[in-house]
Amino acid sequence: QVQLVESGGGLVQPGGSLRLSCVASGSGFSIYTMGWYRQAPGKQRELVATITKGGNTNYADSVKGRFTISRDNAKNTMYLQMNSLKPEDTAVYYCNGEFRRVGGSISGWGQGTQVTVSS
């Protein structure tokens, strides 16, 4: 019913940058709040940043000032610009979206994209 597809992960040196993208689709649904989450090996999945349909944003303290979340509602696409990357940012990054239609809403997850920060 709904689908989220991430792209843009990869290997980058400390201090480098990456831009993640997430394309959402869902017949009959409108997409509201979207967010990026990450999960490092042996750790729980954690919030990175969220953005509402109106553009209000929220960030984890660990990424404030380095990461920027944005979205293009016309393209149903969300982005995460990651600057000044650190080794501790290494994780699988997941896209999440709240899909709504008359009668209810559902939450969808992407398959994840690996981000590795290493020299």
Protein backbone atom coordinates (compact mmCIF):
# COMPACT_ATOMS: atom_id res chain seq x y z
CA GLN A 1 0.00 0.00 0.00
CA VAL A 2 2.72 2.48 0.94
CA GLN A 3 6.37 2.52 0.08
CA LEU A 4 9.42 4.49 1.15
CA VAL A 5 12.70 4.17 -0.73
CA GLU A 6 15.94 5.65 0.58
CA SER A 7 19.08 6.43 -1.38
CA GLY A 8 22.32 8.32 -0.97
CA GLY A 9 24.17 6.35 1.65
CA GLY A 10 27.81 5.38 1.34
CA LEU A 11 31.30 5.63 2.75
CA VAL A 12 32.63 9.06 3.68
CA GLN A 13 35.62 10.34 5.62
CA PRO A 14 35.18 12.15 8.93
CA GLY A 15 34.26 15.75 8.29
CA GLY A 16 32.66 14.90 4.98
CA SER A 17 29.09 15.26 3.76
CA LEU A 18 26.34 13.07 2.39
CA ARG A 19 22.79 13.73 1.25
CA LEU A 20 20.12 11.11 1.79
CA SER A 21 16.84 11.05 -0.12
CA CYS A 22 13.58 9.26 0.59
CA VAL A 23 10.80 8.96 -1.96
CA ALA A 24 7.37 8.10 -0.61
CA SER A 25 4.44 6.62 -2.48
CA GLY A 26 1.01 5.35 -1.50
CA SER A 27 -2.11 5.25 -3.62
CA GLY A 28 -4.90 7.21 -1.98
CA PHE A 29 -2.73 8.42 0.87
CA SER A 30 -1.37 11.83 1.79
CA ILE A 31 1.95 12.02 3.55
CA TYR A 32 2.22 14.00 6.74
CA THR A 33 5.10 13.90 9.19
CA MET A 34 8.25 12.28 7.86
CA GLY A 35 11.45 11.48 9.63
CA TRP A 36 14.89 9.96 9.58
CA TYR A 37 15.97 7.37 12.11
CA ARG A 38 19.22 5.46 12.44
CA GLN A 39 20.41 2.24 13.98
CA ALA A 40 24.02 1.45 14.72
CA PRO A 41 25.23 -2.12 15.34
CA GLY A 42 24.21 -3.30 18.78
CA LYS A 43 22.12 -0.21 19.47
CA GLN A 44 18.46 0.67 19.37
CA ARG A 45 16.98 2.64 16.51
CA GLU A 46 17.00 6.34 17.36
CA LEU A 47 15.42 9.48 16.04
CA VAL A 48 17.61 11.71 13.89
CA ALA A 49 15.16 14.35 12.67
CA THR A 50 11.53 14.85 11.74
CA ILE A 51 9.67 17.30 9.52
CA THR A 52 5.97 18.01 9.35
CA LYS A 53 4.04 18.59 6.15
CA GLY A 54 4.17 22.30 6.94
CA GLY A 55 7.94 22.25 7.34
CA ASN A 56 8.36 22.29 11.10
CA THR A 57 11.52 20.42 12.05
CA ASN A 58 12.90 18.62 15.07
CA TYR A 59 16.43 17.29 15.56
CA ALA A 60 18.26 14.99 17.93
CA ASP A 61 20.76 16.93 20.00
CA SER A 62 23.60 14.87 18.53
CA VAL A 63 22.99 16.17 14.99
CA LYS A 64 21.84 19.74 15.61
CA GLY A 65 23.89 22.21 13.60
CA ARG A 66 25.30 19.47 11.35
CA PHE A 67 22.27 17.84 9.72
CA THR A 68 19.42 19.52 7.86
CA ILE A 69 16.11 17.83 7.08
CA SER A 70 13.92 19.11 4.25
CA ARG A 71 11.15 17.92 1.97
CA ASP A 72 9.56 18.60 -1.38
CA ASN A 73 5.85 17.91 -0.99
CA ALA A 74 5.23 18.09 -4.73
CA LYS A 75 7.67 15.22 -5.21
CA ASN A 76 6.79 13.32 -2.02
CA THR A 77 10.48 13.37 -1.27
CA MET A 78 12.40 14.04 1.94
CA TYR A 79 16.09 14.80 2.26
CA LEU A 80 18.74 14.72 4.94
CA GLN A 81 21.83 16.83 4.33
CA MET A 82 24.56 15.57 6.62
CA ASN A 83 27.65 17.73 7.11
CA SER A 84 30.66 17.44 9.41
CA LEU A 85 30.09 13.72 9.69
CA LYS A 86 31.63 11.83 12.58
CA PRO A 87 32.44 8.12 13.00
CA GLU A 88 29.62 7.91 15.54
CA ASP A 89 27.16 8.82 12.76
CA THR A 90 27.84 5.42 11.22
CA ALA A 91 24.53 3.53 11.07
CA VAL A 92 21.77 2.30 8.83
CA TYR A 93 19.50 5.27 8.19
CA TYR A 94 15.79 4.64 7.84
CA CYS A 95 13.07 6.82 6.42
CA ASN A 96 9.68 6.94 8.14
CA GLY A 97 6.45 8.47 6.97
CA GLU A 98 2.95 8.96 8.34
CA PHE A 99 0.42 8.19 5.64
CA ARG A 100 -3.18 9.35 6.06
CA ARG A 101 -6.42 8.82 4.19
CA VAL A 102 -10.08 8.98 5.09
CA GLY A 103 -10.64 6.40 7.77
CA GLY A 104 -7.19 6.11 9.18
CA SER A 105 -3.45 6.39 8.98
CA ILE A 106 -0.47 4.09 8.84
CA SER A 107 3.25 4.43 9.45
CA GLY A 108 5.68 3.18 6.86
CA TRP A 109 9.41 2.44 6.89
CA GLY A 110 12.00 2.26 4.18
CA GLN A 111 14.49 -0.55 3.79
CA GLY A 112 17.38 1.55 5.09
CA THR A 113 20.59 2.90 3.63
CA GLN A 114 24.03 2.38 5.13
CA VAL A 115 26.13 5.38 6.10
CA THR A 116 29.71 4.66 7.11
CA VAL A 117 32.01 7.40 8.36
CA SER A 118 35.58 6.21 8.44
CA SER A 119 39.06 7.20 7.37
